[in-house]
């Protein structure tokens, strides 16, 4: 009977450690997502600048006639 109690204690310690690891992974993922969301306006601004530059430098000679 004492072996069974010892096994349960080991299993509960392992599950607590696994729970802590899962929480840490979730927190890391959450912080990465928040960082990506915070950088999104900068990315969109850069995309708009690039599109404007392409439209500005595009030569109308190469346009297709419909």
Protein backbone atom coordinates (compact mmCIF):
# COMPACT_ATOMS: atom_id res chain seq x y z
CA UNK A 1 0.00 0.00 0.00
CA UNK A 2 2.85 2.43 0.69
CA UNK A 3 4.23 1.89 -2.82
CA UNK A 4 0.95 3.02 -4.28
CA UNK A 5 1.00 6.24 -2.25
CA UNK A 6 4.58 6.95 -3.37
CA UNK A 7 3.62 6.42 -7.01
CA UNK A 8 0.72 8.83 -6.70
CA UNK A 9 3.01 11.47 -5.19
CA UNK A 10 5.47 11.12 -8.06
CA UNK A 11 2.68 11.33 -10.63
CA UNK A 12 1.20 14.45 -9.06
CA UNK A 13 4.61 16.16 -8.93
CA UNK A 14 5.16 15.30 -12.59
CA UNK A 15 1.76 16.63 -13.61
CA UNK A 16 2.40 19.86 -11.68
CA UNK A 17 5.71 20.28 -13.50
CA UNK A 18 4.01 19.60 -16.84
CA UNK A 19 1.28 22.12 -15.99
CA UNK A 20 3.94 24.72 -15.22
CA UNK A 21 5.65 24.00 -18.54
CA UNK A 22 2.35 24.31 -20.40
CA UNK A 23 1.60 27.63 -18.69
CA UNK A 24 5.06 28.90 -19.58
CA UNK A 25 4.57 27.88 -23.23
CA UNK A 26 1.19 29.61 -23.32
CA UNK A 27 2.68 32.77 -21.80
CA UNK A 28 5.51 32.79 -24.34
CA UNK A 29 3.05 32.29 -27.20
CA UNK A 30 0.81 35.04 -25.84
CA UNK A 31 3.70 37.49 -25.60
CA UNK A 32 4.82 36.71 -29.16
CA UNK A 33 1.29 37.24 -30.48
CA UNK A 34 1.01 40.54 -28.61
CA UNK A 35 4.36 41.68 -30.04
CA UNK A 36 3.21 40.80 -33.57
CA UNK A 37 -0.03 42.71 -33.10
CA UNK A 38 1.87 45.73 -31.78
CA UNK A 39 4.14 45.72 -34.86
CA UNK A 40 1.28 45.37 -37.34
CA UNK A 41 0.74 49.12 -37.95
CA UNK A 42 4.43 49.52 -38.81
CA UNK A 43 4.25 46.61 -41.25
CA UNK A 44 1.13 47.98 -42.93
CA UNK A 45 2.73 51.41 -43.25
CA UNK A 46 5.79 49.87 -44.91
CA UNK A 47 3.57 47.87 -47.29
CA UNK A 48 1.69 51.04 -48.27
CA UNK A 49 4.97 52.90 -48.85
CA UNK A 50 6.23 50.08 -51.06
CA UNK A 51 3.00 49.97 -53.08
CA UNK A 52 3.12 53.75 -53.56
CA UNK A 53 6.73 53.54 -54.70
CA UNK A 54 5.88 50.79 -57.20
CA UNK A 55 2.93 52.74 -58.57
CA UNK A 56 5.04 55.89 -58.83
CA UNK A 57 7.90 54.23 -60.67
CA UNK A 58 5.76 52.04 -62.93
CA UNK A 59 6.18 53.04 -66.57
CA UNK A 60 2.85 53.38 -68.41
CA UNK A 61 4.47 51.95 -71.57
CA UNK A 62 4.24 48.50 -70.01
CA UNK A 63 0.54 48.71 -69.15
CA UNK A 64 -1.80 46.33 -70.96
CA UNK A 65 -4.49 47.85 -73.09
CA UNK A 66 -7.91 46.37 -72.45
